Amino acid sequence: MKVKKVQLYKTVYTPDELPQTPYNEVAFVGRSNVGKSSLLNAVANNFKLAKVSSQPGKTRSINFYLVNDRFFLVDLPGYGFAKVPLKEQQRWRELIESYLKGRDRLKGVFLLVDSKVGPTEKDLQMKEWLDFFGIPYTVVATKVDRLKASQRRNLEERIKKALGGGDFKVIPFSAKTREGREVLLREIFNYIES
């Protein structure tokens, strides 16, 4: 299956604005500056879809992108960026939590981890949270084009170990070279059709 048409459907700033629709959805979550907007643009084949910023912490809302008039890609605010005021960080956290806990159409989550930095404490917390609530997820190791060959070896093993182990997939991904795009698309469609 191909991504033919993607459009911004709704931008949500508070839990009561979350749309109720008949469409299944997959969500993308990760720390600020992990490359979420670049990944979404690569998946959609539209490099103007999600705004890419050199300043982390710019996504302050949940953005619903309607794909092929059939399902949503949901972009959640990045977490763990220190320069954002504590009150705003708290608002994001509540927004993310209320989204993840209350969506019966949510079929899977893609947890984005910077392949060079490795999983952070906040990534581990998110993974444990997804485990606790029984939400299916796949880890995406972003920016793999920045790794040396020696860093590429055992990448999946290192990420799994840093995240405390478990039975989850790790997809190496680069928005720049598009490595992993087809694998990621297959995984998206698998979730949507499950």
N, C-alpha and C. Protein backbone atom coordinates (compact mmCIF):
# COMPACT_ATOMS: atom_id res chain seq x y z
N MET A 1 0.84 -1.20 0.00
CA MET A 1 0.00 0.00 0.00
C MET A 1 0.87 1.26 0.00
N LYS A 2 0.41 2.28 -0.69
CA LYS A 2 1.18 3.51 -0.81
C LYS A 2 0.49 4.67 -0.09
N VAL A 3 1.31 5.65 0.29
CA VAL A 3 0.78 6.90 0.84
C VAL A 3 0.56 7.82 -0.35
N LYS A 4 -0.72 8.07 -0.66
CA LYS A 4 -1.03 8.88 -1.85
C LYS A 4 -1.39 10.31 -1.48
N LYS A 5 -2.11 10.47 -0.37
CA LYS A 5 -2.58 11.80 -0.01
C LYS A 5 -2.50 11.96 1.51
N VAL A 6 -1.88 13.05 1.96
CA VAL A 6 -1.80 13.33 3.39
C VAL A 6 -2.15 14.80 3.60
N GLN A 7 -3.06 15.04 4.55
CA GLN A 7 -3.41 16.42 4.85
C GLN A 7 -3.59 16.60 6.35
N LEU A 8 -3.29 17.81 6.81
CA LEU A 8 -3.51 18.12 8.22
C LEU A 8 -5.01 18.15 8.46
N TYR A 9 -5.47 17.33 9.39
CA TYR A 9 -6.90 17.22 9.68
C TYR A 9 -7.29 18.10 10.86
N LYS A 10 -6.48 18.04 11.94
CA LYS A 10 -6.80 18.84 13.12
C LYS A 10 -5.57 19.03 13.99
N THR A 11 -5.49 20.21 14.61
CA THR A 11 -4.45 20.53 15.59
C THR A 11 -5.13 20.70 16.93
N VAL A 12 -4.62 19.99 17.94
CA VAL A 12 -5.28 19.91 19.25
C VAL A 12 -4.34 20.43 20.34
N TYR A 13 -4.85 21.34 21.16
CA TYR A 13 -4.04 21.90 22.26
C TYR A 13 -4.51 21.44 23.64
N THR A 14 -5.76 20.98 23.73
CA THR A 14 -6.29 20.52 25.02
C THR A 14 -7.01 19.18 24.83
N PRO A 15 -7.05 18.34 25.89
CA PRO A 15 -7.67 17.02 25.76
C PRO A 15 -9.11 17.06 25.24
N ASP A 16 -9.88 18.10 25.60
CA ASP A 16 -11.29 18.13 25.16
C ASP A 16 -11.44 18.46 23.66
N GLU A 17 -10.34 18.82 23.00
CA GLU A 17 -10.39 19.06 21.55
C GLU A 17 -10.10 17.81 20.73
N LEU A 18 -9.74 16.71 21.39
CA LEU A 18 -9.39 15.48 20.65
C LEU A 18 -10.59 15.01 19.83
N PRO A 19 -10.40 14.77 18.52
CA PRO A 19 -11.53 14.40 17.67
C PRO A 19 -11.96 12.95 17.85
N GLN A 20 -13.25 12.72 17.74
CA GLN A 20 -13.79 11.35 17.70
C GLN A 20 -14.11 11.06 16.24
N THR A 21 -13.42 10.10 15.66
CA THR A 21 -13.61 9.81 14.24
C THR A 21 -13.71 8.29 14.04
N PRO A 22 -14.12 7.87 12.86
CA PRO A 22 -14.18 6.42 12.58
C PRO A 22 -12.84 5.86 12.11
N TYR A 23 -11.78 6.70 12.06
CA TYR A 23 -10.50 6.27 11.49
C TYR A 23 -9.55 5.70 12.54
N ASN A 24 -8.87 4.61 12.17
CA ASN A 24 -7.79 4.09 13.01
C ASN A 24 -6.61 5.05 12.95
N GLU A 25 -5.73 4.96 13.97
CA GLU A 25 -4.59 5.89 14.00
C GLU A 25 -3.36 5.24 14.61
N VAL A 26 -2.20 5.75 14.19
CA VAL A 26 -0.92 5.41 14.82
C VAL A 26 -0.29 6.73 15.26
N ALA A 27 0.42 6.69 16.39
CA ALA A 27 1.00 7.91 16.94
C ALA A 27 2.52 7.84 16.95
N PHE A 28 3.14 9.01 16.90
CA PHE A 28 4.59 9.15 16.92
C PHE A 28 4.97 9.99 18.13
N VAL A 29 5.85 9.42 18.96
CA VAL A 29 6.25 10.11 20.19
C VAL A 29 7.76 9.99 20.36
N GLY A 30 8.35 10.99 20.98
CA GLY A 30 9.79 10.97 21.22
C GLY A 30 10.23 12.29 21.82
N ARG A 31 11.47 12.30 22.26
CA ARG A 31 11.95 13.54 22.88
C ARG A 31 12.09 14.63 21.82
N SER A 32 12.13 15.87 22.29
CA SER A 32 12.31 17.00 21.38
C SER A 32 13.62 16.81 20.61
N ASN A 33 13.62 17.20 19.35
CA ASN A 33 14.81 17.15 18.50
C ASN A 33 15.22 15.73 18.09
N VAL A 34 14.30 14.78 18.16
CA VAL A 34 14.62 13.40 17.77
C VAL A 34 14.44 13.20 16.26
N GLY A 35 13.80 14.17 15.60
CA GLY A 35 13.60 14.06 14.16
C GLY A 35 12.21 13.60 13.77
N LYS A 36 11.23 13.89 14.63
CA LYS A 36 9.85 13.43 14.39
C LYS A 36 9.23 14.09 13.15
N SER A 37 9.39 15.41 13.04
CA SER A 37 8.80 16.12 11.88
C SER A 37 9.44 15.65 10.58
N SER A 38 10.75 15.48 10.58
CA SER A 38 11.45 15.00 9.38
C SER A 38 10.98 13.59 9.00
N LEU A 39 10.78 12.74 10.00
CA LEU A 39 10.29 11.38 9.76
C LEU A 39 8.90 11.42 9.14
N LEU A 40 8.00 12.22 9.71
CA LEU A 40 6.63 12.31 9.19
C LEU A 40 6.63 12.82 7.75
N ASN A 41 7.48 13.80 7.48
CA ASN A 41 7.57 14.33 6.12
C ASN A 41 8.08 13.27 5.14
N ALA A 42 9.05 12.48 5.57
CA ALA A 42 9.59 11.40 4.72
C ALA A 42 8.53 10.34 4.46
N VAL A 43 7.79 9.97 5.50
CA VAL A 43 6.72 8.97 5.37
C VAL A 43 5.65 9.46 4.39
N ALA A 44 5.29 10.74 4.54
CA ALA A 44 4.23 11.32 3.71
C ALA A 44 4.71 11.70 2.31
N ASN A 45 6.03 11.67 2.09
CA ASN A 45 6.60 12.12 0.81
C ASN A 45 6.26 13.58 0.55
N ASN A 46 6.21 14.36 1.63
CA ASN A 46 5.86 15.78 1.52
C ASN A 46 6.70 16.53 2.55
N PHE A 47 7.72 17.22 2.08
CA PHE A 47 8.66 17.84 3.01
C PHE A 47 8.19 19.19 3.55
N LYS A 48 6.92 19.52 3.28
CA LYS A 48 6.34 20.74 3.86
C LYS A 48 5.20 20.40 4.80
N LEU A 49 4.94 19.11 5.03
CA LEU A 49 3.79 18.69 5.83
C LEU A 49 3.94 19.11 7.30
N ALA A 50 4.94 18.53 7.98
CA ALA A 50 5.19 18.86 9.40
C ALA A 50 6.32 19.88 9.43
N LYS A 51 6.14 20.93 10.20
CA LYS A 51 7.15 22.00 10.26
C LYS A 51 8.40 21.50 10.98
N VAL A 52 9.53 21.53 10.27
CA VAL A 52 10.81 21.13 10.86
C VAL A 52 11.48 22.38 11.40
N SER A 53 11.89 22.33 12.66
CA SER A 53 12.51 23.49 13.28
C SER A 53 13.88 23.13 13.81
N SER A 54 14.80 24.10 13.76
CA SER A 54 16.13 23.86 14.34
C SER A 54 16.06 24.03 15.85
N GLN A 55 14.95 24.58 16.33
CA GLN A 55 14.74 24.77 17.77
C GLN A 55 13.88 23.65 18.31
N PRO A 56 14.41 22.82 19.22
CA PRO A 56 13.60 21.75 19.78
C PRO A 56 12.41 22.30 20.57
N GLY A 57 11.36 21.47 20.68
CA GLY A 57 10.22 21.86 21.51
C GLY A 57 9.21 22.72 20.79
N LYS A 58 9.24 22.72 19.45
CA LYS A 58 8.32 23.56 18.69
C LYS A 58 6.92 22.95 18.56
N THR A 59 6.83 21.62 18.52
CA THR A 59 5.51 20.99 18.42
C THR A 59 4.85 21.05 19.79
N ARG A 60 3.87 21.92 19.93
CA ARG A 60 3.22 22.12 21.23
C ARG A 60 1.81 21.57 21.23
N SER A 61 1.43 20.95 20.13
CA SER A 61 0.08 20.45 19.98
C SER A 61 0.14 19.00 19.51
N ILE A 62 -1.03 18.36 19.47
CA ILE A 62 -1.14 17.06 18.82
C ILE A 62 -1.69 17.34 17.43
N ASN A 63 -0.98 16.88 16.41
CA ASN A 63 -1.41 17.11 15.04
C ASN A 63 -1.89 15.81 14.42
N PHE A 64 -3.10 15.83 13.88
CA PHE A 64 -3.70 14.68 13.21
C PHE A 64 -3.57 14.87 11.71
N TYR A 65 -2.85 13.93 11.06
CA TYR A 65 -2.70 13.96 9.61
C TYR A 65 -3.50 12.81 9.01
N LEU A 66 -4.45 13.14 8.14
CA LEU A 66 -5.30 12.13 7.50
C LEU A 66 -4.59 11.59 6.26
N VAL A 67 -4.42 10.27 6.22
CA VAL A 67 -3.70 9.61 5.13
C VAL A 67 -4.67 8.83 4.25
N ASN A 68 -4.63 9.10 2.94
CA ASN A 68 -5.45 8.39 1.96
C ASN A 68 -6.94 8.39 2.33
N ASP A 69 -7.38 9.38 3.10
CA ASP A 69 -8.77 9.44 3.60
C ASP A 69 -9.16 8.17 4.35
N ARG A 70 -8.15 7.50 4.97
CA ARG A 70 -8.41 6.20 5.61
C ARG A 70 -7.96 6.10 7.06
N PHE A 71 -6.85 6.77 7.41
CA PHE A 71 -6.33 6.65 8.77
C PHE A 71 -5.49 7.87 9.13
N PHE A 72 -5.16 7.97 10.43
CA PHE A 72 -4.39 9.12 10.90
C PHE A 72 -2.97 8.73 11.30
N LEU A 73 -2.02 9.63 10.96
CA LEU A 73 -0.71 9.67 11.60
C LEU A 73 -0.85 10.79 12.63
N VAL A 74 -0.54 10.49 13.88
CA VAL A 74 -0.73 11.47 14.95
C VAL A 74 0.63 11.86 15.52
N ASP A 75 0.93 13.15 15.43
CA ASP A 75 2.21 13.70 15.87
C ASP A 75 2.02 14.28 17.27
N LEU A 76 2.65 13.65 18.26
CA LEU A 76 2.55 14.10 19.65
C LEU A 76 3.69 15.07 19.98
N PRO A 77 3.47 16.01 20.93
CA PRO A 77 4.55 16.95 21.28
C PRO A 77 5.78 16.21 21.79
N GLY A 78 6.96 16.74 21.46
CA GLY A 78 8.21 16.16 21.96
C GLY A 78 8.33 16.40 23.45
N TYR A 79 8.99 15.49 24.14
CA TYR A 79 9.15 15.64 25.60
C TYR A 79 10.61 15.80 25.96
N GLY A 80 10.85 16.28 27.18
CA GLY A 80 12.20 16.32 27.72
C GLY A 80 13.05 17.50 27.30
N PHE A 81 12.41 18.56 26.81
CA PHE A 81 13.22 19.72 26.41
C PHE A 81 13.23 20.74 27.54
N ALA A 82 14.40 20.97 28.11
CA ALA A 82 14.55 21.75 29.35
C ALA A 82 14.21 23.23 29.20
N LYS A 83 14.38 23.81 28.00
CA LYS A 83 14.19 25.25 27.86
C LYS A 83 12.72 25.67 27.82
N VAL A 84 11.83 24.70 27.75
CA VAL A 84 10.40 25.02 27.77
C VAL A 84 9.98 25.16 29.24
N PRO A 85 9.19 26.20 29.59
CA PRO A 85 8.77 26.38 30.99
C PRO A 85 8.09 25.12 31.54
N LEU A 86 8.30 24.90 32.84
CA LEU A 86 7.77 23.71 33.51
C LEU A 86 6.26 23.57 33.33
N LYS A 87 5.55 24.69 33.39
CA LYS A 87 4.09 24.67 33.26
C LYS A 87 3.69 24.14 31.87
N GLU A 88 4.44 24.57 30.85
CA GLU A 88 4.16 24.12 29.49
C GLU A 88 4.50 22.64 29.34
N GLN A 89 5.62 22.21 29.93
CA GLN A 89 5.99 20.78 29.91
C GLN A 89 4.88 19.94 30.55
N GLN A 90 4.32 20.42 31.66
CA GLN A 90 3.25 19.72 32.36
C GLN A 90 2.00 19.62 31.47
N ARG A 91 1.70 20.72 30.76
CA ARG A 91 0.53 20.73 29.87
C ARG A 91 0.71 19.70 28.75
N TRP A 92 1.92 19.64 28.18
CA TRP A 92 2.20 18.65 27.13
C TRP A 92 2.00 17.25 27.67
N ARG A 93 2.56 17.01 28.88
CA ARG A 93 2.47 15.67 29.47
C ARG A 93 1.02 15.24 29.65
N GLU A 94 0.21 16.15 30.18
CA GLU A 94 -1.22 15.84 30.37
C GLU A 94 -1.91 15.58 29.04
N LEU A 95 -1.54 16.37 28.02
CA LEU A 95 -2.13 16.21 26.69
C LEU A 95 -1.74 14.85 26.10
N ILE A 96 -0.46 14.50 26.18
CA ILE A 96 0.03 13.21 25.66
C ILE A 96 -0.64 12.05 26.40
N GLU A 97 -0.67 12.14 27.74
CA GLU A 97 -1.26 11.05 28.55
C GLU A 97 -2.74 10.87 28.25
N SER A 98 -3.48 11.99 28.18
CA SER A 98 -4.91 11.85 27.92
C SER A 98 -5.16 11.29 26.53
N TYR A 99 -4.29 11.64 25.58
CA TYR A 99 -4.42 11.05 24.24
C TYR A 99 -4.16 9.55 24.30
N LEU A 100 -3.03 9.15 24.85
CA LEU A 100 -2.65 7.73 24.84
C LEU A 100 -3.61 6.85 25.63
N LYS A 101 -4.15 7.37 26.71
CA LYS A 101 -5.04 6.56 27.56
C LYS A 101 -6.45 6.45 27.00
N GLY A 102 -6.85 7.45 26.21
CA GLY A 102 -8.28 7.50 25.87
C GLY A 102 -8.63 7.25 24.42
N ARG A 103 -7.75 6.65 23.63
CA ARG A 103 -8.04 6.49 22.21
C ARG A 103 -8.31 5.04 21.85
N ASP A 104 -9.58 4.71 21.61
CA ASP A 104 -9.90 3.32 21.24
C ASP A 104 -9.51 3.03 19.80
N ARG A 105 -9.24 4.07 19.00
CA ARG A 105 -8.82 3.87 17.61
C ARG A 105 -7.30 3.85 17.45
N LEU A 106 -6.58 4.02 18.55
CA LEU A 106 -5.11 3.99 18.50
C LEU A 106 -4.65 2.54 18.36
N LYS A 107 -3.97 2.23 17.26
CA LYS A 107 -3.57 0.85 16.97
C LYS A 107 -2.11 0.57 17.31
N GLY A 108 -1.30 1.63 17.40
CA GLY A 108 0.11 1.42 17.71
C GLY A 108 0.83 2.75 17.85
N VAL A 109 1.97 2.71 18.55
CA VAL A 109 2.78 3.90 18.77
C VAL A 109 4.19 3.65 18.24
N PHE A 110 4.76 4.65 17.63
CA PHE A 110 6.16 4.61 17.21
C PHE A 110 6.95 5.49 18.17
N LEU A 111 7.80 4.86 18.96
CA LEU A 111 8.64 5.56 19.93
C LEU A 111 9.96 5.87 19.25
N LEU A 112 10.22 7.14 19.00
CA LEU A 112 11.42 7.56 18.29
C LEU A 112 12.57 7.81 19.26
N VAL A 113 13.71 7.21 18.94
CA VAL A 113 14.91 7.33 19.76
C VAL A 113 16.05 7.77 18.85
N ASP A 114 16.83 8.75 19.28
CA ASP A 114 17.98 9.22 18.50
C ASP A 114 19.05 8.13 18.53
N SER A 115 19.40 7.59 17.36
CA SER A 115 20.34 6.46 17.30
C SER A 115 21.73 6.82 17.82
N LYS A 116 22.10 8.08 17.69
CA LYS A 116 23.43 8.50 18.13
C LYS A 116 23.47 8.71 19.65
N VAL A 117 22.44 9.34 20.17
CA VAL A 117 22.35 9.63 21.61
C VAL A 117 21.97 8.38 22.40
N GLY A 118 21.14 7.55 21.78
CA GLY A 118 20.61 6.37 22.48
C GLY A 118 19.40 6.75 23.32
N PRO A 119 18.69 5.76 23.86
CA PRO A 119 17.51 6.05 24.66
C PRO A 119 17.86 6.85 25.91
N THR A 120 17.03 7.85 26.21
CA THR A 120 17.20 8.67 27.41
C THR A 120 16.30 8.12 28.52
N GLU A 121 16.44 8.69 29.70
CA GLU A 121 15.58 8.31 30.83
C GLU A 121 14.11 8.53 30.49
N LYS A 122 13.83 9.63 29.79
CA LYS A 122 12.43 9.93 29.39
C LYS A 122 11.90 8.91 28.38
N ASP A 123 12.79 8.43 27.47
CA ASP A 123 12.38 7.39 26.52
C ASP A 123 12.03 6.10 27.27
N LEU A 124 12.84 5.78 28.25
CA LEU A 124 12.60 4.58 29.07
C LEU A 124 11.27 4.71 29.80
N GLN A 125 11.00 5.89 30.36
CA GLN A 125 9.72 6.12 31.05
C GLN A 125 8.55 5.94 30.09
N MET A 126 8.69 6.47 28.87
CA MET A 126 7.61 6.34 27.88
C MET A 126 7.40 4.87 27.51
N LYS A 127 8.48 4.14 27.32
CA LYS A 127 8.39 2.71 26.99
C LYS A 127 7.70 1.94 28.12
N GLU A 128 8.07 2.25 29.36
CA GLU A 128 7.44 1.58 30.52
C GLU A 128 5.96 1.94 30.62
N TRP A 129 5.64 3.15 30.28
CA TRP A 129 4.25 3.62 30.31
C TRP A 129 3.43 2.87 29.26
N LEU A 130 3.99 2.73 28.05
CA LEU A 130 3.30 2.00 26.97
C LEU A 130 3.11 0.53 27.36
N ASP A 131 4.15 -0.06 27.98
CA ASP A 131 4.05 -1.45 28.47
C ASP A 131 2.92 -1.56 29.50
N PHE A 132 2.89 -0.63 30.46
CA PHE A 132 1.92 -0.66 31.55
C PHE A 132 0.49 -0.61 31.02
N PHE A 133 0.25 0.24 30.03
CA PHE A 133 -1.11 0.38 29.49
C PHE A 133 -1.41 -0.58 28.34
N GLY A 134 -0.43 -1.44 28.01
CA GLY A 134 -0.66 -2.46 26.99
C GLY A 134 -0.84 -1.89 25.59
N ILE A 135 -0.16 -0.78 25.30
CA ILE A 135 -0.27 -0.16 23.98
C ILE A 135 0.85 -0.72 23.09
N PRO A 136 0.51 -1.34 21.96
CA PRO A 136 1.56 -1.87 21.08
C PRO A 136 2.45 -0.76 20.55
N TYR A 137 3.75 -1.04 20.45
CA TYR A 137 4.68 -0.01 19.97
C TYR A 137 5.85 -0.62 19.23
N THR A 138 6.49 0.23 18.42
CA THR A 138 7.70 -0.10 17.69
C THR A 138 8.68 1.04 17.95
N VAL A 139 9.94 0.70 18.18
CA VAL A 139 10.95 1.74 18.39
C VAL A 139 11.59 2.07 17.04
N VAL A 140 11.72 3.37 16.75
CA VAL A 140 12.37 3.81 15.53
C VAL A 140 13.66 4.53 15.92
N ALA A 141 14.79 4.01 15.47
CA ALA A 141 16.10 4.63 15.74
C ALA A 141 16.36 5.64 14.63
N THR A 142 16.21 6.93 14.93
CA THR A 142 16.32 7.98 13.91
C THR A 142 17.78 8.39 13.67
N LYS A 143 17.96 9.10 12.56
CA LYS A 143 19.25 9.71 12.21
C LYS A 143 20.40 8.70 12.07
N VAL A 144 20.09 7.49 11.56
CA VAL A 144 21.14 6.46 11.44
C VAL A 144 22.20 6.83 10.40
N ASP A 145 21.89 7.80 9.53
CA ASP A 145 22.90 8.24 8.55
C ASP A 145 24.08 8.93 9.23
N ARG A 146 23.92 9.35 10.48
CA ARG A 146 25.00 10.01 11.22
C ARG A 146 25.93 9.04 11.95
N LEU A 147 25.59 7.75 11.89
CA LEU A 147 26.39 6.76 12.60
C LEU A 147 27.54 6.24 11.75
N LYS A 148 28.66 5.94 12.39
CA LYS A 148 29.77 5.25 11.72
C LYS A 148 29.39 3.78 11.62
N ALA A 149 30.06 3.07 10.75
CA ALA A 149 29.77 1.64 10.56
C ALA A 149 29.88 0.88 11.88
N SER A 150 30.89 1.23 12.68
CA SER A 150 31.08 0.54 13.97
C SER A 150 29.92 0.80 14.92
N GLN A 151 29.31 1.99 14.82
CA GLN A 151 28.16 2.32 15.67
C GLN A 151 26.89 1.62 15.20
N ARG A 152 26.85 1.27 13.91
CA ARG A 152 25.68 0.59 13.35
C ARG A 152 25.58 -0.85 13.85
N ARG A 153 26.75 -1.46 14.10
CA ARG A 153 26.75 -2.85 14.56
C ARG A 153 26.05 -2.94 15.91
N ASN A 154 25.22 -3.92 16.08
CA ASN A 154 24.51 -4.16 17.34
C ASN A 154 23.63 -2.99 17.79
N LEU A 155 23.22 -2.13 16.84
CA LEU A 155 22.38 -0.98 17.19
C LEU A 155 21.08 -1.42 17.88
N GLU A 156 20.40 -2.39 17.27
CA GLU A 156 19.13 -2.88 17.82
C GLU A 156 19.33 -3.44 19.23
N GLU A 157 20.39 -4.24 19.38
CA GLU A 157 20.72 -4.85 20.67
C GLU A 157 20.97 -3.78 21.75
N ARG A 158 21.74 -2.76 21.38
CA ARG A 158 22.06 -1.68 22.34
C ARG A 158 20.81 -0.92 22.76
N ILE A 159 19.94 -0.62 21.80
CA ILE A 159 18.72 0.12 22.11
C ILE A 159 17.80 -0.71 22.99
N LYS A 160 17.65 -2.00 22.65
CA LYS A 160 16.80 -2.88 23.47
C LYS A 160 17.32 -2.97 24.90
N LYS A 161 18.63 -3.09 25.04
CA LYS A 161 19.23 -3.20 26.37
C LYS A 161 18.99 -1.91 27.17
N ALA A 162 19.21 -0.75 26.52
CA ALA A 162 19.02 0.55 27.19
C ALA A 162 17.57 0.79 27.58
N LEU A 163 16.64 0.14 26.86
CA LEU A 163 15.22 0.29 27.17
C LEU A 163 14.71 -0.84 28.07
N GLY A 164 15.63 -1.59 28.65
CA GLY A 164 15.23 -2.62 29.61
C GLY A 164 14.74 -3.91 28.98
N GLY A 165 15.02 -4.10 27.70
CA GLY A 165 14.63 -5.34 27.03
C GLY A 165 13.15 -5.40 26.73
N GLY A 166 12.74 -6.51 26.11
CA GLY A 166 11.34 -6.69 25.75
C GLY A 166 11.20 -7.17 24.34
N ASP A 167 9.97 -7.50 23.99
CA ASP A 167 9.69 -8.06 22.67
C ASP A 167 9.13 -6.95 21.77
N PHE A 168 10.00 -6.08 21.29
CA PHE A 168 9.57 -5.01 20.40
C PHE A 168 10.57 -4.89 19.25
N LYS A 169 10.06 -4.38 18.12
CA LYS A 169 10.91 -4.18 16.95
C LYS A 169 11.68 -2.87 17.06
N VAL A 170 12.85 -2.83 16.44
CA VAL A 170 13.61 -1.59 16.29
C VAL A 170 13.84 -1.38 14.79
N ILE A 171 13.40 -0.24 14.29
CA ILE A 171 13.59 0.08 12.87
C ILE A 171 14.63 1.19 12.74
N PRO A 172 15.79 0.90 12.12
CA PRO A 172 16.77 1.97 11.84
C PRO A 172 16.19 2.87 10.75
N PHE A 173 16.27 4.19 10.95
CA PHE A 173 15.61 5.11 10.03
C PHE A 173 16.45 6.36 9.80
N SER A 174 16.42 6.85 8.55
CA SER A 174 17.05 8.13 8.22
C SER A 174 16.12 8.91 7.30
N ALA A 175 15.70 10.08 7.74
CA ALA A 175 14.86 10.94 6.88
C ALA A 175 15.69 11.45 5.70
N LYS A 176 16.99 11.59 5.92
CA LYS A 176 17.89 12.13 4.89
C LYS A 176 18.08 11.13 3.75
N THR A 177 18.43 9.87 4.07
CA THR A 177 18.68 8.87 3.02
C THR A 177 17.44 8.03 2.71
N ARG A 178 16.41 8.18 3.55
CA ARG A 178 15.15 7.42 3.46
C ARG A 178 15.31 5.95 3.81
N GLU A 179 16.44 5.61 4.40
CA GLU A 179 16.62 4.24 4.89
C GLU A 179 15.53 3.93 5.91
N GLY A 180 14.91 2.76 5.77
CA GLY A 180 13.90 2.32 6.74
C GLY A 180 12.50 2.79 6.43
N ARG A 181 12.33 3.64 5.40
CA ARG A 181 11.00 4.19 5.10
C ARG A 181 10.00 3.09 4.73
N GLU A 182 10.43 2.17 3.85
CA GLU A 182 9.51 1.10 3.42
C GLU A 182 9.15 0.18 4.58
N VAL A 183 10.13 -0.12 5.42
CA VAL A 183 9.90 -0.98 6.59
C VAL A 183 8.91 -0.29 7.54
N LEU A 184 9.11 1.01 7.74
CA LEU A 184 8.23 1.78 8.61
C LEU A 184 6.82 1.84 8.04
N LEU A 185 6.69 2.05 6.74
CA LEU A 185 5.37 2.07 6.11
C LEU A 185 4.64 0.74 6.29
N ARG A 186 5.37 -0.36 6.11
CA ARG A 186 4.76 -1.69 6.31
C ARG A 186 4.23 -1.82 7.73
N GLU A 187 5.04 -1.36 8.69
CA GLU A 187 4.66 -1.45 10.10
C GLU A 187 3.43 -0.58 10.38
N ILE A 188 3.40 0.60 9.79
CA ILE A 188 2.23 1.49 9.95
C ILE A 188 0.98 0.78 9.44
N PHE A 189 1.05 0.23 8.22
CA PHE A 189 -0.12 -0.42 7.64
C PHE A 189 -0.51 -1.69 8.41
N ASN A 190 0.49 -2.39 8.95
CA ASN A 190 0.18 -3.57 9.80
C ASN A 190 -0.64 -3.16 11.01
N TYR A 191 -0.23 -2.08 11.67
CA TYR A 191 -0.98 -1.59 12.84
C TYR A 191 -2.40 -1.17 12.44
N ILE A 192 -2.49 -0.38 11.38
CA ILE A 192 -3.78 0.16 10.95
C ILE A 192 -4.76 -0.95 10.61
N GLU A 193 -4.26 -2.02 10.02
CA GLU A 193 -5.15 -3.10 9.59
C GLU A 193 -5.36 -4.16 10.65
N SER A 194 -4.69 -4.03 11.81
CA SER A 194 -4.83 -5.06 12.86
C SER A 194 -6.15 -4.92 13.60
